[in-house]
Amino acid sequence: MTPFAELMREDRRICLLRALGCMPERRANHLVLHEALDSLGHGVGVDVLLADLTWLAELGLVACDCLKSGGHGCTVVTLTPRGMDVALGRSTVPGIKRPLPGDLPDPEAL
């Protein structure tokens, strides 16, 4: 993977965690997260999004629940306390961009 592609992947992952931190109950479905990523400059396919969510879940940063209805699937994603620590820059995980001090949201807003 090129350095730029790696940078984009790391930024996309922190964007996902931070977006979840701003959602009611710290959860959203993958379609809402797909729109959030697009609005943040990460226009990727749903397959890339789902791969990132699977990777984040394997690390215990999010929990994913797959729901099926009428032949269509939806993944509901919930931010874990560990994921919140990473989103706020309290913890670091290789493969996820660490937020810069000026980029950190107000913890009370999350």
N, C-alpha and C. Protein backbone atom coordinates (compact mmCIF):
# COMPACT_ATOMS: atom_id res chain seq x y z
N MET A 1 0.85 -1.17 0.00
CA MET A 1 0.00 0.00 0.00
C MET A 1 0.90 1.24 0.00
N THR A 2 0.50 2.23 -0.77
CA THR A 2 1.30 3.45 -0.85
C THR A 2 1.14 4.26 0.44
N PRO A 3 2.10 5.12 0.74
CA PRO A 3 1.97 5.95 1.94
C PRO A 3 0.69 6.79 1.94
N PHE A 4 0.31 7.30 0.77
CA PHE A 4 -0.92 8.10 0.70
C PHE A 4 -2.16 7.24 0.98
N ALA A 5 -2.20 6.04 0.42
CA ALA A 5 -3.33 5.14 0.66
C ALA A 5 -3.41 4.77 2.14
N GLU A 6 -2.27 4.56 2.77
CA GLU A 6 -2.24 4.25 4.20
C GLU A 6 -2.75 5.43 5.02
N LEU A 7 -2.32 6.64 4.64
CA LEU A 7 -2.78 7.84 5.32
C LEU A 7 -4.30 7.98 5.21
N MET A 8 -4.82 7.75 4.02
CA MET A 8 -6.27 7.85 3.82
C MET A 8 -7.01 6.80 4.65
N ARG A 9 -6.50 5.59 4.71
CA ARG A 9 -7.14 4.54 5.50
C ARG A 9 -7.13 4.89 6.98
N GLU A 10 -6.01 5.38 7.49
CA GLU A 10 -5.92 5.77 8.90
C GLU A 10 -6.88 6.92 9.21
N ASP A 11 -6.96 7.89 8.32
CA ASP A 11 -7.87 9.02 8.52
C ASP A 11 -9.33 8.57 8.46
N ARG A 12 -9.63 7.68 7.53
CA ARG A 12 -11.00 7.17 7.39
C ARG A 12 -11.44 6.48 8.69
N ARG A 13 -10.55 5.74 9.29
CA ARG A 13 -10.89 5.01 10.52
C ARG A 13 -11.14 5.95 11.69
N ILE A 14 -10.31 6.99 11.84
CA ILE A 14 -10.57 7.94 12.93
C ILE A 14 -11.86 8.71 12.66
N CYS A 15 -12.14 9.00 11.40
CA CYS A 15 -13.40 9.66 11.05
C CYS A 15 -14.60 8.81 11.46
N LEU A 16 -14.51 7.51 11.23
CA LEU A 16 -15.60 6.62 11.62
C LEU A 16 -15.81 6.65 13.13
N LEU A 17 -14.73 6.55 13.90
CA LEU A 17 -14.86 6.54 15.35
C LEU A 17 -15.42 7.86 15.86
N ARG A 18 -14.94 8.96 15.31
CA ARG A 18 -15.40 10.26 15.76
C ARG A 18 -16.85 10.52 15.34
N ALA A 19 -17.22 10.04 14.16
CA ALA A 19 -18.62 10.19 13.73
C ALA A 19 -19.54 9.42 14.66
N LEU A 20 -19.15 8.21 15.01
CA LEU A 20 -19.96 7.43 15.95
C LEU A 20 -20.07 8.12 17.30
N GLY A 21 -18.99 8.76 17.72
CA GLY A 21 -19.01 9.46 19.00
C GLY A 21 -19.99 10.62 19.03
N CYS A 22 -20.35 11.13 17.88
CA CYS A 22 -21.30 12.25 17.79
C CYS A 22 -22.74 11.79 17.58
N MET A 23 -22.93 10.50 17.36
CA MET A 23 -24.28 9.98 17.09
C MET A 23 -25.03 9.73 18.39
N PRO A 24 -26.37 9.86 18.35
CA PRO A 24 -27.15 9.50 19.53
C PRO A 24 -26.86 8.06 19.94
N GLU A 25 -26.66 7.86 21.22
CA GLU A 25 -26.36 6.55 21.78
C GLU A 25 -25.07 5.95 21.23
N ARG A 26 -24.25 6.77 20.57
CA ARG A 26 -22.97 6.33 20.01
C ARG A 26 -23.12 5.18 19.03
N ARG A 27 -24.22 5.18 18.28
CA ARG A 27 -24.45 4.11 17.31
C ARG A 27 -25.14 4.63 16.06
N ALA A 28 -24.89 3.91 14.96
CA ALA A 28 -25.49 4.26 13.68
C ALA A 28 -25.39 3.05 12.77
N ASN A 29 -26.21 3.05 11.72
CA ASN A 29 -26.08 1.94 10.77
C ASN A 29 -25.03 2.30 9.72
N HIS A 30 -24.60 1.30 8.99
CA HIS A 30 -23.49 1.50 8.05
C HIS A 30 -23.85 2.48 6.92
N LEU A 31 -25.12 2.60 6.60
CA LEU A 31 -25.51 3.54 5.54
C LEU A 31 -25.35 4.99 5.99
N VAL A 32 -25.67 5.26 7.24
CA VAL A 32 -25.46 6.61 7.79
C VAL A 32 -23.96 6.90 7.85
N LEU A 33 -23.18 5.92 8.29
CA LEU A 33 -21.72 6.10 8.36
C LEU A 33 -21.12 6.31 6.97
N HIS A 34 -21.69 5.64 5.97
CA HIS A 34 -21.21 5.81 4.60
C HIS A 34 -21.41 7.26 4.16
N GLU A 35 -22.56 7.82 4.47
CA GLU A 35 -22.84 9.22 4.15
C GLU A 35 -21.92 10.16 4.92
N ALA A 36 -21.68 9.84 6.19
CA ALA A 36 -20.79 10.68 7.00
C ALA A 36 -19.38 10.69 6.42
N LEU A 37 -18.88 9.52 6.02
CA LEU A 37 -17.55 9.45 5.41
C LEU A 37 -17.49 10.27 4.14
N ASP A 38 -18.52 10.15 3.32
CA ASP A 38 -18.56 10.90 2.06
C ASP A 38 -18.50 12.40 2.32
N SER A 39 -19.22 12.86 3.34
CA SER A 39 -19.23 14.29 3.65
C SER A 39 -17.89 14.76 4.20
N LEU A 40 -17.07 13.81 4.68
CA LEU A 40 -15.74 14.15 5.22
C LEU A 40 -14.62 13.91 4.21
N GLY A 41 -15.00 13.70 2.96
CA GLY A 41 -14.00 13.56 1.91
C GLY A 41 -13.52 12.15 1.66
N HIS A 42 -14.20 11.18 2.21
CA HIS A 42 -13.83 9.78 2.00
C HIS A 42 -14.93 9.07 1.21
N GLY A 43 -14.96 9.31 -0.08
CA GLY A 43 -15.94 8.67 -0.95
C GLY A 43 -15.48 7.28 -1.32
N VAL A 44 -15.78 6.32 -0.47
CA VAL A 44 -15.37 4.93 -0.70
C VAL A 44 -16.61 4.06 -0.87
N GLY A 45 -16.41 2.88 -1.41
CA GLY A 45 -17.49 1.93 -1.57
C GLY A 45 -17.91 1.33 -0.24
N VAL A 46 -19.11 0.79 -0.21
CA VAL A 46 -19.62 0.17 1.00
C VAL A 46 -18.74 -1.01 1.42
N ASP A 47 -18.16 -1.72 0.45
CA ASP A 47 -17.30 -2.85 0.80
C ASP A 47 -16.07 -2.39 1.59
N VAL A 48 -15.51 -1.23 1.24
CA VAL A 48 -14.36 -0.69 1.98
C VAL A 48 -14.81 -0.28 3.38
N LEU A 49 -15.96 0.35 3.48
CA LEU A 49 -16.51 0.74 4.78
C LEU A 49 -16.71 -0.48 5.67
N LEU A 50 -17.35 -1.50 5.13
CA LEU A 50 -17.61 -2.71 5.93
C LEU A 50 -16.32 -3.40 6.34
N ALA A 51 -15.30 -3.37 5.49
CA ALA A 51 -14.00 -3.95 5.85
C ALA A 51 -13.38 -3.16 7.00
N ASP A 52 -13.47 -1.84 6.95
CA ASP A 52 -12.95 -1.02 8.06
C ASP A 52 -13.72 -1.31 9.35
N LEU A 53 -15.03 -1.43 9.26
CA LEU A 53 -15.84 -1.69 10.45
C LEU A 53 -15.50 -3.07 11.03
N THR A 54 -15.28 -4.05 10.18
CA THR A 54 -14.88 -5.38 10.65
C THR A 54 -13.54 -5.30 11.37
N TRP A 55 -12.59 -4.57 10.81
CA TRP A 55 -11.27 -4.41 11.41
C TRP A 55 -11.38 -3.71 12.77
N LEU A 56 -12.18 -2.64 12.84
CA LEU A 56 -12.37 -1.93 14.10
C LEU A 56 -13.04 -2.82 15.14
N ALA A 57 -13.97 -3.67 14.70
CA ALA A 57 -14.64 -4.58 15.62
C ALA A 57 -13.68 -5.64 16.15
N GLU A 58 -12.79 -6.12 15.30
CA GLU A 58 -11.80 -7.11 15.74
C GLU A 58 -10.90 -6.56 16.84
N LEU A 59 -10.68 -5.25 16.84
CA LEU A 59 -9.86 -4.60 17.86
C LEU A 59 -10.68 -4.17 19.08
N GLY A 60 -11.98 -4.38 19.04
CA GLY A 60 -12.82 -4.02 20.17
C GLY A 60 -13.15 -2.55 20.25
N LEU A 61 -12.99 -1.82 19.15
CA LEU A 61 -13.29 -0.39 19.15
C LEU A 61 -14.73 -0.09 18.82
N VAL A 62 -15.38 -1.00 18.12
CA VAL A 62 -16.81 -0.92 17.82
C VAL A 62 -17.41 -2.31 17.96
N ALA A 63 -18.71 -2.34 18.10
CA ALA A 63 -19.46 -3.60 18.06
C ALA A 63 -20.40 -3.51 16.88
N CYS A 64 -20.45 -4.57 16.08
CA CYS A 64 -21.29 -4.60 14.88
C CYS A 64 -22.37 -5.66 15.03
N ASP A 65 -23.60 -5.28 14.72
CA ASP A 65 -24.73 -6.20 14.69
C ASP A 65 -25.32 -6.18 13.29
N CYS A 66 -25.34 -7.33 12.65
CA CYS A 66 -25.90 -7.43 11.30
C CYS A 66 -27.37 -7.77 11.41
N LEU A 67 -28.20 -6.96 10.78
CA LEU A 67 -29.64 -7.17 10.78
C LEU A 67 -30.09 -7.46 9.36
N LYS A 68 -31.01 -8.37 9.19
CA LYS A 68 -31.55 -8.69 7.86
C LYS A 68 -33.05 -8.46 7.88
N SER A 69 -33.53 -7.84 6.80
CA SER A 69 -34.96 -7.60 6.67
C SER A 69 -35.31 -7.57 5.19
N GLY A 70 -36.20 -8.41 4.77
CA GLY A 70 -36.63 -8.42 3.37
C GLY A 70 -35.51 -8.69 2.40
N GLY A 71 -34.54 -9.49 2.78
CA GLY A 71 -33.44 -9.82 1.89
C GLY A 71 -32.33 -8.79 1.87
N HIS A 72 -32.51 -7.69 2.60
CA HIS A 72 -31.48 -6.66 2.66
C HIS A 72 -30.84 -6.67 4.04
N GLY A 73 -29.56 -6.40 4.07
CA GLY A 73 -28.85 -6.38 5.34
C GLY A 73 -28.46 -4.98 5.75
N CYS A 74 -28.36 -4.80 7.03
CA CYS A 74 -27.94 -3.53 7.59
C CYS A 74 -27.04 -3.84 8.78
N THR A 75 -25.94 -3.16 8.87
CA THR A 75 -25.03 -3.35 9.99
C THR A 75 -25.17 -2.15 10.92
N VAL A 76 -25.52 -2.42 12.17
CA VAL A 76 -25.62 -1.38 13.18
C VAL A 76 -24.33 -1.41 13.98
N VAL A 77 -23.70 -0.26 14.08
CA VAL A 77 -22.37 -0.15 14.68
C VAL A 77 -22.47 0.70 15.95
N THR A 78 -21.87 0.20 17.04
CA THR A 78 -21.86 0.91 18.31
C THR A 78 -20.42 1.14 18.75
N LEU A 79 -20.12 2.35 19.14
CA LEU A 79 -18.79 2.71 19.62
C LEU A 79 -18.61 2.14 21.03
N THR A 80 -17.49 1.50 21.27
CA THR A 80 -17.18 0.96 22.60
C THR A 80 -16.43 2.02 23.41
N PRO A 81 -16.32 1.83 24.73
CA PRO A 81 -15.52 2.77 25.51
C PRO A 81 -14.07 2.86 25.02
N ARG A 82 -13.49 1.76 24.62
CA ARG A 82 -12.13 1.78 24.07
C ARG A 82 -12.09 2.59 22.77
N GLY A 83 -13.11 2.43 21.93
CA GLY A 83 -13.19 3.20 20.70
C GLY A 83 -13.31 4.68 20.97
N MET A 84 -14.03 5.05 22.03
CA MET A 84 -14.16 6.46 22.41
C MET A 84 -12.81 7.00 22.84
N ASP A 85 -12.05 6.20 23.58
CA ASP A 85 -10.70 6.64 23.98
C ASP A 85 -9.83 6.94 22.77
N VAL A 86 -9.92 6.11 21.74
CA VAL A 86 -9.13 6.33 20.53
C VAL A 86 -9.65 7.57 19.79
N ALA A 87 -10.97 7.72 19.71
CA ALA A 87 -11.56 8.88 19.02
C ALA A 87 -11.13 10.19 19.68
N LEU A 88 -10.95 10.17 20.99
CA LEU A 88 -10.57 11.38 21.72
C LEU A 88 -9.06 11.55 21.83
N GLY A 89 -8.30 10.59 21.31
CA GLY A 89 -6.84 10.69 21.36
C GLY A 89 -6.24 10.25 22.67
N ARG A 90 -7.03 9.64 23.55
CA ARG A 90 -6.53 9.15 24.83
C ARG A 90 -5.70 7.88 24.67
N SER A 91 -6.02 7.10 23.65
CA SER A 91 -5.32 5.87 23.34
C SER A 91 -4.94 5.90 21.87
N THR A 92 -3.89 5.18 21.54
CA THR A 92 -3.48 5.09 20.14
C THR A 92 -3.53 3.64 19.69
N VAL A 93 -3.83 3.46 18.43
CA VAL A 93 -3.88 2.14 17.81
C VAL A 93 -3.19 2.27 16.45
N PRO A 94 -2.17 1.43 16.20
CA PRO A 94 -1.56 1.46 14.87
C PRO A 94 -2.61 1.20 13.80
N GLY A 95 -2.58 2.00 12.74
CA GLY A 95 -3.56 1.85 11.67
C GLY A 95 -4.70 2.85 11.77
N ILE A 96 -4.69 3.66 12.85
CA ILE A 96 -5.71 4.70 13.03
C ILE A 96 -4.98 6.01 13.30
N LYS A 97 -5.32 7.03 12.55
CA LYS A 97 -4.69 8.33 12.72
C LYS A 97 -4.97 8.86 14.11
N ARG A 98 -3.95 9.38 14.73
CA ARG A 98 -4.14 10.04 16.02
C ARG A 98 -4.56 11.48 15.76
N PRO A 99 -5.63 11.93 16.39
CA PRO A 99 -6.07 13.31 16.15
C PRO A 99 -5.04 14.31 16.64
N LEU A 100 -4.90 15.40 15.91
CA LEU A 100 -4.05 16.50 16.36
C LEU A 100 -4.78 17.24 17.47
N PRO A 101 -4.05 17.92 18.37
CA PRO A 101 -4.71 18.61 19.49
C PRO A 101 -5.85 19.53 19.07
N GLY A 102 -5.69 20.28 18.00
CA GLY A 102 -6.75 21.17 17.55
C GLY A 102 -7.93 20.46 16.92
N ASP A 103 -7.74 19.18 16.56
CA ASP A 103 -8.81 18.40 15.94
C ASP A 103 -9.71 17.71 16.95
N LEU A 104 -9.27 17.68 18.21
CA LEU A 104 -10.03 16.93 19.20
C LEU A 104 -11.35 17.62 19.51
N PRO A 105 -12.44 16.85 19.49
CA PRO A 105 -13.73 17.43 19.85
C PRO A 105 -13.82 17.62 21.35
N ASP A 106 -14.72 18.45 21.77
CA ASP A 106 -14.99 18.61 23.19
C ASP A 106 -15.62 17.32 23.70
N PRO A 107 -15.02 16.64 24.70
CA PRO A 107 -15.58 15.38 25.18
C PRO A 107 -17.04 15.51 25.63
N GLU A 108 -17.42 16.70 26.10
CA GLU A 108 -18.81 16.90 26.53
C GLU A 108 -19.75 16.92 25.32
N ALA A 109 -19.22 17.28 24.14
CA ALA A 109 -20.05 17.30 22.95
C ALA A 109 -20.28 15.89 22.42
N LEU A 110 -19.40 14.97 22.80
CA LEU A 110 -19.56 13.58 22.36
C LEU A 110 -20.41 12.89 23.33
